[in-house]
Each structure stands twice: as C-alpha cells, then as structure tokens.
PDB file of N, CA and C in Angstrom:
ATOM      1  N   MET A   1       0.798  -1.233   0.027  1.00  0.00           N
ATOM      2  CA  MET A   1       0.020  -0.051  -0.010  1.00  0.00           C
ATOM      3  C   MET A   1       0.933   1.261  -0.030  1.00  0.00           C
ATOM      4  N   THR A   2       0.632   2.178  -0.870  1.00  0.00           N
ATOM      5  CA  THR A   2       1.396   3.352  -1.008  1.00  0.00           C
ATOM      6  C   THR A   2       0.850   4.414   0.211  1.00  0.00           C
ATOM      7  N   ILE A   3       1.807   4.705   1.071  1.00  0.00           N
ATOM      8  CA  ILE A   3       1.660   5.692   2.134  1.00  0.00           C
ATOM      9  C   ILE A   3       2.593   6.808   2.005  1.00  0.00           C
ATOM     10  N   VAL A   4       2.150   8.027   2.096  1.00  0.00           N
ATOM     11  CA  VAL A   4       3.004   9.201   2.220  1.00  0.00           C
ATOM     12  C   VAL A   4       2.632   9.851   3.452  1.00  0.00           C
ATOM     13  N   GLU A   5       3.774  10.256   4.263  1.00  0.00           N
ATOM     14  CA  GLU A   5       3.522  11.010   5.387  1.00  0.00           C
ATOM     15  C   GLU A   5       4.377  12.366   5.392  1.00  0.00           C
ATOM     16  N   THR A   6       3.880  13.245   5.913  1.00  0.00           N
ATOM     17  CA  THR A   6       4.364  14.557   6.219  1.00  0.00           C
ATOM     18  C   THR A   6       4.463  14.782   7.648  1.00  0.00           C
ATOM     19  N   ALA A   7       4.848  16.044   8.094  1.00  0.00           N
ATOM     20  CA  ALA A   7       4.865  16.260   9.418  1.00  0.00           C
ATOM     21  C   ALA A   7       3.381  16.491  10.106  1.00  0.00           C
ATOM     22  N   ARG A   8       2.461  16.683   9.293  1.00  0.00           N
ATOM     23  CA  ARG A   8       1.080  17.016   9.749  1.00  0.00           C
ATOM     24  C   ARG A   8       0.207  15.860   9.088  1.00  0.00           C
ATOM     25  N   LEU A   9       0.468  15.281   8.005  1.00  0.00           N
ATOM     26  CA  LEU A   9      -0.545  14.457   7.200  1.00  0.00           C
ATOM     27  C   LEU A   9      -0.069  13.049   6.853  1.00  0.00           C
ATOM     28  N   ARG A  10      -0.971  12.211   6.765  1.00  0.00           N
ATOM     29  CA  ARG A  10      -0.703  10.809   6.270  1.00  0.00           C
ATOM     30  C   ARG A  10      -1.810  10.673   5.137  1.00  0.00           C
ATOM     31  N   LEU A  11      -1.202  10.291   3.961  1.00  0.00           N
ATOM     32  CA  LEU A  11      -1.901  10.131   2.758  1.00  0.00           C
ATOM     33  C   LEU A  11      -1.849   8.504   2.390  1.00  0.00           C
ATOM     34  N   ARG A  12      -2.972   7.900   2.221  1.00  0.00           N
ATOM     35  CA  ARG A  12      -3.011   6.484   1.791  1.00  0.00           C
ATOM     36  C   ARG A  12      -4.162   6.146   0.961  1.00  0.00           C
ATOM     37  N   PRO A  13      -4.139   5.041   0.243  1.00  0.00           N
ATOM     38  CA  PRO A  13      -5.358   4.765  -0.526  1.00  0.00           C
ATOM     39  C   PRO A  13      -6.617   4.679   0.297  1.00  0.00           C
ATOM     40  N   HIS A  14      -7.753   4.991  -0.228  1.00  0.00           N
ATOM     41  CA  HIS A  14      -9.016   4.780   0.578  1.00  0.00           C
ATOM     42  C   HIS A  14      -9.377   3.268   0.862  1.00  0.00           C
ATOM     43  N   VAL A  15     -10.150   3.129   1.957  1.00  0.00           N
ATOM     44  CA  VAL A  15     -10.504   1.831   2.290  1.00  0.00           C
ATOM     45  C   VAL A  15     -12.058   2.038   2.676  1.00  0.00           C
ATOM     46  N   LEU A  16     -12.752   0.891   2.818  1.00  0.00           N
ATOM     47  CA  LEU A  16     -14.148   1.000   3.091  1.00  0.00           C
ATOM     48  C   LEU A  16     -14.525   1.739   4.318  1.00  0.00           C
ATOM     49  N   ASP A  17     -13.600   1.675   5.341  1.00  0.00           N
ATOM     50  CA  ASP A  17     -13.979   2.225   6.556  1.00  0.00           C
ATOM     51  C   ASP A  17     -13.925   3.905   6.365  1.00  0.00           C
ATOM     52  N   ASP A  18     -13.473   4.336   5.249  1.00  0.00           N
ATOM     53  CA  ASP A  18     -13.536   5.832   5.023  1.00  0.00           C
ATOM     54  C   ASP A  18     -14.908   6.277   4.615  1.00  0.00           C
ATOM     55  N   PHE A  19     -15.865   5.338   4.361  1.00  0.00           N
ATOM     56  CA  PHE A  19     -17.202   5.716   4.075  1.00  0.00           C
ATOM     57  C   PHE A  19     -17.954   6.805   4.869  1.00  0.00           C
ATOM     58  N   ALA A  20     -17.979   6.465   6.273  1.00  0.00           N
ATOM     59  CA  ALA A  20     -18.622   7.342   7.181  1.00  0.00           C
ATOM     60  C   ALA A  20     -18.000   8.726   7.251  1.00  0.00           C
ATOM     61  N   PRO A  21     -16.615   8.817   7.408  1.00  0.00           N
ATOM     62  CA  PRO A  21     -16.168  10.101   7.438  1.00  0.00           C
ATOM     63  C   PRO A  21     -16.144  10.877   6.197  1.00  0.00           C
ATOM     64  N   MET A  22     -16.117  10.283   5.092  1.00  0.00           N
ATOM     65  CA  MET A  22     -16.155  10.923   3.642  1.00  0.00           C
ATOM     66  C   MET A  22     -17.687  11.388   3.595  1.00  0.00           C
ATOM     67  N   ARG A  23     -18.635  10.556   3.963  1.00  0.00           N
ATOM     68  CA  ARG A  23     -20.029  10.937   3.968  1.00  0.00           C
ATOM     69  C   ARG A  23     -20.341  12.225   4.751  1.00  0.00           C
ATOM     70  N   ALA A  24     -19.708  12.223   5.957  1.00  0.00           N
ATOM     71  CA  ALA A  24     -19.940  13.341   6.853  1.00  0.00           C
ATOM     72  C   ALA A  24     -19.267  14.581   6.318  1.00  0.00           C
ATOM     73  N   MET A  25     -18.039  14.497   5.657  1.00  0.00           N
ATOM     74  CA  MET A  25     -17.409  15.557   5.242  1.00  0.00           C
ATOM     75  C   MET A  25     -18.136  16.249   3.975  1.00  0.00           C
ATOM     76  N   LEU A  26     -18.685  15.335   3.195  1.00  0.00           N
ATOM     77  CA  LEU A  26     -19.497  15.764   1.831  1.00  0.00           C
ATOM     78  C   LEU A  26     -20.961  16.218   2.246  1.00  0.00           C
ATOM     79  N   ALA A  27     -21.257  16.161   3.489  1.00  0.00           N
ATOM     80  CA  ALA A  27     -22.513  16.615   3.978  1.00  0.00           C
ATOM     81  C   ALA A  27     -22.325  18.010   4.674  1.00  0.00           C
ATOM     82  N   ASP A  28     -21.064  18.338   4.922  1.00  0.00           N
ATOM     83  CA  ASP A  28     -20.936  19.563   5.692  1.00  0.00           C
ATOM     84  C   ASP A  28     -21.066  20.810   4.855  1.00  0.00           C
ATOM     85  N   PRO A  29     -21.984  21.739   4.994  1.00  0.00           N
ATOM     86  CA  PRO A  29     -22.265  22.960   4.213  1.00  0.00           C
ATOM     87  C   PRO A  29     -20.957  23.686   3.778  1.00  0.00           C
ATOM     88  N   GLU A  30     -20.022  23.763   4.736  1.00  0.00           N
ATOM     89  CA  GLU A  30     -18.817  24.498   4.375  1.00  0.00           C
ATOM     90  C   GLU A  30     -17.997  23.901   3.350  1.00  0.00           C
ATOM     91  N   VAL A  31     -18.024  22.508   3.259  1.00  0.00           N
ATOM     92  CA  VAL A  31     -17.231  21.779   2.229  1.00  0.00           C
ATOM     93  C   VAL A  31     -18.176  21.705   1.037  1.00  0.00           C
ATOM     94  N   LEU A  32     -19.406  21.526   1.014  1.00  0.00           N
ATOM     95  CA  LEU A  32     -20.411  21.390   0.079  1.00  0.00           C
ATOM     96  C   LEU A  32     -20.418  22.583  -0.812  1.00  0.00           C
ATOM     97  N   ARG A  33     -20.374  23.768  -0.217  1.00  0.00           N
ATOM     98  CA  ARG A  33     -20.377  25.062  -1.012  1.00  0.00           C
ATOM     99  C   ARG A  33     -19.381  25.199  -2.005  1.00  0.00           C
ATOM    100  N   HIS A  34     -18.202  24.448  -1.916  1.00  0.00           N
ATOM    101  CA  HIS A  34     -17.206  24.515  -2.899  1.00  0.00           C
ATOM    102  C   HIS A  34     -17.312  23.474  -3.875  1.00  0.00           C
ATOM    103  N   LEU A  35     -18.369  22.541  -3.738  1.00  0.00           N
ATOM    104  CA  LEU A  35     -18.478  21.365  -4.724  1.00  0.00           C
ATOM    105  C   LEU A  35     -19.655  21.382  -5.500  1.00  0.00           C
ATOM    106  N   SER A  36     -20.858  21.511  -4.843  1.00  0.00           N
ATOM    107  CA  SER A  36     -22.196  21.343  -5.436  1.00  0.00           C
ATOM    108  C   SER A  36     -23.230  22.036  -4.737  1.00  0.00           C
ATOM    109  N   ALA A  37     -24.312  22.468  -5.530  1.00  0.00           N
ATOM    110  CA  ALA A  37     -25.401  22.991  -4.596  1.00  0.00           C
ATOM    111  C   ALA A  37     -26.364  22.000  -4.032  1.00  0.00           C
ATOM    112  N   VAL A  38     -26.001  20.733  -4.399  1.00  0.00           N
ATOM    113  CA  VAL A  38     -26.933  19.508  -4.090  1.00  0.00           C
ATOM    114  C   VAL A  38     -26.072  18.752  -3.352  1.00  0.00           C
ATOM    115  N   PRO A  39     -26.398  18.289  -2.059  1.00  0.00           N
ATOM    116  CA  PRO A  39     -25.516  17.261  -1.255  1.00  0.00           C
ATOM    117  C   PRO A  39     -25.607  15.892  -1.978  1.00  0.00           C
ATOM    118  N   PRO A  40     -24.448  15.085  -1.943  1.00  0.00           N
ATOM    119  CA  PRO A  40     -24.566  13.794  -2.384  1.00  0.00           C
ATOM    120  C   PRO A  40     -25.333  12.828  -1.714  1.00  0.00           C
ATOM    121  N   THR A  41     -26.068  12.006  -2.439  1.00  0.00           N
ATOM    122  CA  THR A  41     -26.694  10.944  -1.648  1.00  0.00           C
ATOM    123  C   THR A  41     -25.784   9.872  -0.948  1.00  0.00           C
ATOM    124  N   GLU A  42     -26.168   8.938  -0.296  1.00  0.00           N
ATOM    125  CA  GLU A  42     -25.449   7.905   0.350  1.00  0.00           C
ATOM    126  C   GLU A  42     -24.815   7.099  -0.818  1.00  0.00           C
ATOM    127  N   GLU A  43     -25.738   6.781  -1.706  1.00  0.00           N
ATOM    128  CA  GLU A  43     -25.231   6.032  -3.012  1.00  0.00           C
ATOM    129  C   GLU A  43     -24.204   6.737  -3.624  1.00  0.00           C
ATOM    130  N   ASP A  44     -24.194   7.957  -3.872  1.00  0.00           N
ATOM    131  CA  ASP A  44     -23.179   8.846  -4.519  1.00  0.00           C
ATOM    132  C   ASP A  44     -21.961   8.815  -3.879  1.00  0.00           C
ATOM    133  N   VAL A  45     -21.897   8.821  -2.485  1.00  0.00           N
ATOM    134  CA  VAL A  45     -20.681   8.857  -1.805  1.00  0.00           C
ATOM    135  C   VAL A  45     -20.114   7.248  -1.746  1.00  0.00           C
ATOM    136  N   TRP A  46     -20.948   6.389  -1.686  1.00  0.00           N
ATOM    137  CA  TRP A  46     -20.536   5.034  -1.780  1.00  0.00           C
ATOM    138  C   TRP A  46     -19.817   4.778  -3.296  1.00  0.00           C
ATOM    139  N   ASN A  47     -20.470   5.316  -4.259  1.00  0.00           N
ATOM    140  CA  ASN A  47     -19.885   5.092  -5.607  1.00  0.00           C
ATOM    141  C   ASN A  47     -18.603   5.920  -5.725  1.00  0.00           C
ATOM    142  N   ARG A  48     -18.500   7.014  -5.231  1.00  0.00           N
ATOM    143  CA  ARG A  48     -17.186   7.729  -5.234  1.00  0.00           C
ATOM    144  C   ARG A  48     -16.023   6.992  -4.631  1.00  0.00           C
ATOM    145  N   LEU A  49     -16.527   6.382  -3.277  1.00  0.00           N
ATOM    146  CA  LEU A  49     -15.397   5.712  -2.584  1.00  0.00           C
ATOM    147  C   LEU A  49     -15.002   4.506  -3.401  1.00  0.00           C
ATOM    148  N   LEU A  50     -15.856   3.744  -3.950  1.00  0.00           N
ATOM    149  CA  LEU A  50     -15.598   2.628  -4.823  1.00  0.00           C
ATOM    150  C   LEU A  50     -14.719   2.940  -5.964  1.00  0.00           C
ATOM    151  N   ARG A  51     -14.902   4.124  -6.613  1.00  0.00           N
ATOM    152  CA  ARG A  51     -14.112   4.572  -7.664  1.00  0.00           C
ATOM    153  C   ARG A  51     -12.769   4.807  -7.189  1.00  0.00           C
ATOM    154  N   TYR A  52     -12.549   5.505  -5.924  1.00  0.00           N
ATOM    155  CA  TYR A  52     -11.266   5.816  -5.510  1.00  0.00           C
ATOM    156  C   TYR A  52     -10.592   4.521  -5.147  1.00  0.00           C
ATOM    157  N   ILE A  53     -11.176   3.533  -4.574  1.00  0.00           N
ATOM    158  CA  ILE A  53     -10.546   2.253  -4.289  1.00  0.00           C
ATOM    159  C   ILE A  53     -10.212   1.542  -5.584  1.00  0.00           C
ATOM    160  N   GLY A  54     -11.053   1.485  -6.542  1.00  0.00           N
ATOM    161  CA  GLY A  54     -10.829   0.882  -7.837  1.00  0.00           C
ATOM    162  C   GLY A  54      -9.617   1.493  -8.552  1.00  0.00           C
ATOM    163  N   HIS A  55      -9.419   2.794  -8.541  1.00  0.00           N
ATOM    164  CA  HIS A  55      -8.414   3.248  -9.189  1.00  0.00           C
ATOM    165  C   HIS A  55      -7.039   2.643  -8.926  1.00  0.00           C
ATOM    166  N   TRP A  56      -6.844   2.506  -7.513  1.00  0.00           N
ATOM    167  CA  TRP A  56      -5.533   1.837  -7.000  1.00  0.00           C
ATOM    168  C   TRP A  56      -5.418   0.483  -7.603  1.00  0.00           C
ATOM    169  N   GLN A  57      -6.616  -0.263  -7.550  1.00  0.00           N
ATOM    170  CA  GLN A  57      -6.623  -1.651  -7.888  1.00  0.00           C
ATOM    171  C   GLN A  57      -6.313  -1.767  -9.380  1.00  0.00           C
ATOM    172  N   ALA A  58      -7.014  -1.099 -10.276  1.00  0.00           N
ATOM    173  CA  ALA A  58      -6.849  -1.131 -11.732  1.00  0.00           C
ATOM    174  C   ALA A  58      -5.771  -0.451 -12.317  1.00  0.00           C
ATOM    175  N   LEU A  59      -5.238   0.767 -11.825  1.00  0.00           N
ATOM    176  CA  LEU A  59      -4.443   1.554 -12.524  1.00  0.00           C
ATOM    177  C   LEU A  59      -3.096   1.770 -11.659  1.00  0.00           C
ATOM    178  N   GLY A  60      -3.163   1.489 -10.325  1.00  0.00           N
ATOM    179  CA  GLY A  60      -1.831   1.603  -9.646  1.00  0.00           C
ATOM    180  C   GLY A  60      -1.606   3.072  -9.148  1.00  0.00           C
ATOM    181  N   TYR A  61      -2.733   3.962  -9.274  1.00  0.00           N
ATOM    182  CA  TYR A  61      -2.574   5.153  -8.745  1.00  0.00           C
ATOM    183  C   TYR A  61      -4.052   5.655  -8.527  1.00  0.00           C
ATOM    184  N   GLY A  62      -4.100   6.691  -7.797  1.00  0.00           N
ATOM    185  CA  GLY A  62      -5.575   7.228  -7.525  1.00  0.00           C
ATOM    186  C   GLY A  62      -5.582   8.379  -6.589  1.00  0.00           C
ATOM    187  N   ILE A  63      -6.596   8.414  -5.965  1.00  0.00           N
ATOM    188  CA  ILE A  63      -6.943   9.483  -4.889  1.00  0.00           C
ATOM    189  C   ILE A  63      -6.702   8.922  -3.585  1.00  0.00           C
ATOM    190  N   PHE A  64      -5.703   9.575  -2.901  1.00  0.00           N
ATOM    191  CA  PHE A  64      -5.340   9.284  -1.561  1.00  0.00           C
ATOM    192  C   PHE A  64      -6.585   9.791  -0.571  1.00  0.00           C
ATOM    193  N   ALA A  65      -6.720   9.163   0.506  1.00  0.00           N
ATOM    194  CA  ALA A  65      -7.353   9.628   1.617  1.00  0.00           C
ATOM    195  C   ALA A  65      -6.336  10.524   2.473  1.00  0.00           C
ATOM    196  N   VAL A  66      -6.683  11.732   2.809  1.00  0.00           N
ATOM    197  CA  VAL A  66      -5.758  12.557   3.544  1.00  0.00           C
ATOM    198  C   VAL A  66      -6.143  12.614   5.045  1.00  0.00           C
ATOM    199  N   LEU A  67      -5.302  12.273   5.927  1.00  0.00           N
ATOM    200  CA  LEU A  67      -5.690  12.073   7.228  1.00  0.00           C
ATOM    201  C   LEU A  67      -4.743  12.975   8.089  1.00  0.00           C
ATOM    202  N   HIS A  68      -5.382  13.353   9.280  1.00  0.00           N
ATOM    203  CA  HIS A  68      -4.400  14.197  10.162  1.00  0.00           C
ATOM    204  C   HIS A  68      -3.522  13.081  10.749  1.00  0.00           C
ATOM    205  N   ARG A  69      -2.223  13.401  10.754  1.00  0.00           N
ATOM    206  CA  ARG A  69      -1.189  12.391  11.081  1.00  0.00           C
ATOM    207  C   ARG A  69      -1.357  11.830  12.523  1.00  0.00           C
ATOM    208  N   ASP A  70      -1.600  12.972  13.365  1.00  0.00           N
ATOM    209  CA  ASP A  70      -1.823  12.533  14.951  1.00  0.00           C
ATOM    210  C   ASP A  70      -2.996  11.998  15.346  1.00  0.00           C
ATOM    211  N   THR A  71      -4.171  12.529  14.755  1.00  0.00           N
ATOM    212  CA  THR A  71      -5.461  12.058  15.266  1.00  0.00           C
ATOM    213  C   THR A  71      -6.128  11.009  14.312  1.00  0.00           C
ATOM    214  N   GLY A  72      -5.673  10.940  12.943  1.00  0.00           N
ATOM    215  CA  GLY A  72      -6.291   9.902  12.135  1.00  0.00           C
ATOM    216  C   GLY A  72      -7.582  10.581  11.527  1.00  0.00           C
ATOM    217  N   HIS A  73      -8.038  11.833  11.993  1.00  0.00           N
ATOM    218  CA  HIS A  73      -9.197  12.470  11.391  1.00  0.00           C
ATOM    219  C   HIS A  73      -9.096  12.655   9.850  1.00  0.00           C
ATOM    220  N   TYR A  74     -10.209  12.121   9.195  1.00  0.00           N
ATOM    221  CA  TYR A  74     -10.119  12.144   7.705  1.00  0.00           C
ATOM    222  C   TYR A  74     -10.433  13.660   7.348  1.00  0.00           C
ATOM    223  N   LEU A  75      -9.553  14.083   6.513  1.00  0.00           N
ATOM    224  CA  LEU A  75      -9.564  15.549   5.974  1.00  0.00           C
ATOM    225  C   LEU A  75     -10.064  15.660   4.646  1.00  0.00           C
ATOM    226  N   GLY A  76      -9.952  14.553   3.699  1.00  0.00           N
ATOM    227  CA  GLY A  76     -10.407  14.816   2.313  1.00  0.00           C
ATOM    228  C   GLY A  76      -9.662  13.775   1.570  1.00  0.00           C
ATOM    229  N   GLY A  77      -9.601  14.237   0.210  1.00  0.00           N
ATOM    230  CA  GLY A  77      -8.792  13.303  -0.733  1.00  0.00           C
ATOM    231  C   GLY A  77      -8.012  14.171  -1.712  1.00  0.00           C
ATOM    232  N   ALA A  78      -6.879  13.649  -2.135  1.00  0.00           N
ATOM    233  CA  ALA A  78      -6.089  14.451  -3.134  1.00  0.00           C
ATOM    234  C   ALA A  78      -5.254  13.366  -3.960  1.00  0.00           C
ATOM    235  N   GLY A  79      -5.049  13.582  -5.371  1.00  0.00           N
ATOM    236  CA  GLY A  79      -4.248  12.630  -6.039  1.00  0.00           C
ATOM    237  C   GLY A  79      -4.612  12.775  -7.539  1.00  0.00           C
ATOM    238  N   PHE A  80      -4.405  11.659  -8.257  1.00  0.00           N
ATOM    239  CA  PHE A  80      -4.786  11.671  -9.603  1.00  0.00           C
ATOM    240  C   PHE A  80      -5.683  10.598  -9.994  1.00  0.00           C
ATOM    241  N   ALA A  81      -6.403  10.800 -11.120  1.00  0.00           N
ATOM    242  CA  ALA A  81      -7.611   9.767 -11.423  1.00  0.00           C
ATOM    243  C   ALA A  81      -7.798   9.853 -12.855  1.00  0.00           C
ATOM    244  N   ASP A  82      -8.307   8.750 -13.457  1.00  0.00           N
ATOM    245  CA  ASP A  82      -8.762   8.730 -14.918  1.00  0.00           C
ATOM    246  C   ASP A  82     -10.153   8.570 -14.855  1.00  0.00           C
ATOM    247  N   PHE A  83     -10.975   9.721 -14.797  1.00  0.00           N
ATOM    248  CA  PHE A  83     -12.381   9.520 -14.740  1.00  0.00           C
ATOM    249  C   PHE A  83     -13.148   9.649 -16.025  1.00  0.00           C
ATOM    250  N   ARG A  84     -12.375   9.705 -17.123  1.00  0.00           N
ATOM    251  CA  ARG A  84     -12.905   9.610 -18.579  1.00  0.00           C
ATOM    252  C   ARG A  84     -14.031  10.664 -18.736  1.00  0.00           C
ATOM    253  N   ARG A  85     -13.824  11.909 -18.527  1.00  0.00           N
ATOM    254  CA  ARG A  85     -14.890  12.810 -18.385  1.00  0.00           C
ATOM    255  C   ARG A  85     -15.047  13.464 -19.879  1.00  0.00           C
ATOM    256  N   GLY A  86     -14.337  13.056 -20.857  1.00  0.00           N
ATOM    257  CA  GLY A  86     -14.491  13.499 -22.338  1.00  0.00           C
ATOM    258  C   GLY A  86     -13.981  14.980 -22.273  1.00  0.00           C
ATOM    259  N   LEU A  87     -12.763  15.260 -21.639  1.00  0.00           N
ATOM    260  CA  LEU A  87     -12.283  16.690 -21.720  1.00  0.00           C
ATOM    261  C   LEU A  87     -11.641  17.047 -23.017  1.00  0.00           C
ATOM    262  N   GLY A  88     -11.671  16.101 -24.107  1.00  0.00           N
ATOM    263  CA  GLY A  88     -11.015  16.574 -25.286  1.00  0.00           C
ATOM    264  C   GLY A  88      -9.648  16.067 -25.452  1.00  0.00           C
ATOM    265  N   PRO A  89      -9.208  16.278 -26.746  1.00  0.00           N
ATOM    266  CA  PRO A  89      -8.024  15.699 -27.229  1.00  0.00           C
ATOM    267  C   PRO A  89      -6.739  16.347 -26.570  1.00  0.00           C
ATOM    268  N   ASP A  90      -6.831  17.531 -25.910  1.00  0.00           N
ATOM    269  CA  ASP A  90      -5.842  18.114 -25.314  1.00  0.00           C
ATOM    270  C   ASP A  90      -5.360  17.523 -24.018  1.00  0.00           C
ATOM    271  N   PHE A  91      -6.370  16.692 -23.457  1.00  0.00           N
ATOM    272  CA  PHE A  91      -6.116  16.079 -22.220  1.00  0.00           C
ATOM    273  C   PHE A  91      -6.012  14.461 -22.436  1.00  0.00           C
ATOM    274  N   GLY A  92      -6.536  13.971 -23.559  1.00  0.00           N
ATOM    275  CA  GLY A  92      -6.414  12.529 -23.870  1.00  0.00           C
ATOM    276  C   GLY A  92      -6.554  11.635 -22.687  1.00  0.00           C
ATOM    277  N   ARG A  93      -5.621  10.755 -22.443  1.00  0.00           N
ATOM    278  CA  ARG A  93      -5.619   9.761 -21.433  1.00  0.00           C
ATOM    279  C   ARG A  93      -4.816  10.225 -20.232  1.00  0.00           C
ATOM    280  N   SER A  94      -4.463  11.641 -20.040  1.00  0.00           N
ATOM    281  CA  SER A  94      -3.735  11.939 -18.855  1.00  0.00           C
ATOM    282  C   SER A  94      -4.599  12.110 -17.655  1.00  0.00           C
ATOM    283  N   PRO A  95      -4.100  11.544 -16.574  1.00  0.00           N
ATOM    284  CA  PRO A  95      -4.757  11.660 -15.299  1.00  0.00           C
ATOM    285  C   PRO A  95      -5.160  12.960 -14.847  1.00  0.00           C
ATOM    286  N   GLU A  96      -6.258  13.137 -14.245  1.00  0.00           N
ATOM    287  CA  GLU A  96      -6.678  14.433 -13.711  1.00  0.00           C
ATOM    288  C   GLU A  96      -6.193  14.626 -12.290  1.00  0.00           C
ATOM    289  N   GLY A  97      -5.789  15.725 -11.851  1.00  0.00           N
ATOM    290  CA  GLY A  97      -5.567  16.059 -10.414  1.00  0.00           C
ATOM    291  C   GLY A  97      -6.850  16.298  -9.578  1.00  0.00           C
ATOM    292  N   ALA A  98      -6.737  15.805  -8.475  1.00  0.00           N
ATOM    293  CA  ALA A  98      -8.102  16.109  -7.534  1.00  0.00           C
ATOM    294  C   ALA A  98      -7.640  16.574  -6.236  1.00  0.00           C
TER     295      ALA A  98
END
C-alpha cells in the first residue's frame, strides 16, 4: 500500500472504513459550498469511494485519503484519477488532479 507521510498529514489509498467520514465531510455545508449546490446521496458517496478504491486496484494510482497524522481524522482526498470525463484531445488519457 502506498503511504505518504508529512509532519502533519498521512496520505494512503481509501478503504471501506472511509465511507462514514467521507459522507460526513461531503454533507458539511462549508465543504459542500465548494463542490455542489446539492448534497450527494449515500449512494453517490459510496460510488465515489468505490471509484477511489478501484483506481488503485486497476491503475496503480488514484486519490489518496488525507488524514491528520496525529489524530487520524479524515480531512479529504487528493491525487490523480482517470475519470474519462471527455475533456477533449488536449487532455487525452492524462490523469486528472483532484
């Protein structure tokens, strides 16, 4: 498992136990105002988590779970992914940053 640690953060691939904290984070109005006008459903969050896990399994890279190093508190996600959003030939098969 790929793990990156800094003085304050621990980054690791997502696991199923990240569902509850990810769902709570995505329901927070302060977080949500930067992402969408509509909160994601439980199914939306579950599907997002499965995509994040699947990227690591299928492609060997993906979105890291970002955790507070000392407390283990879930802070969000960051990394690269191939979401196949149809962004055009200039982006082709290049992974997106998240």
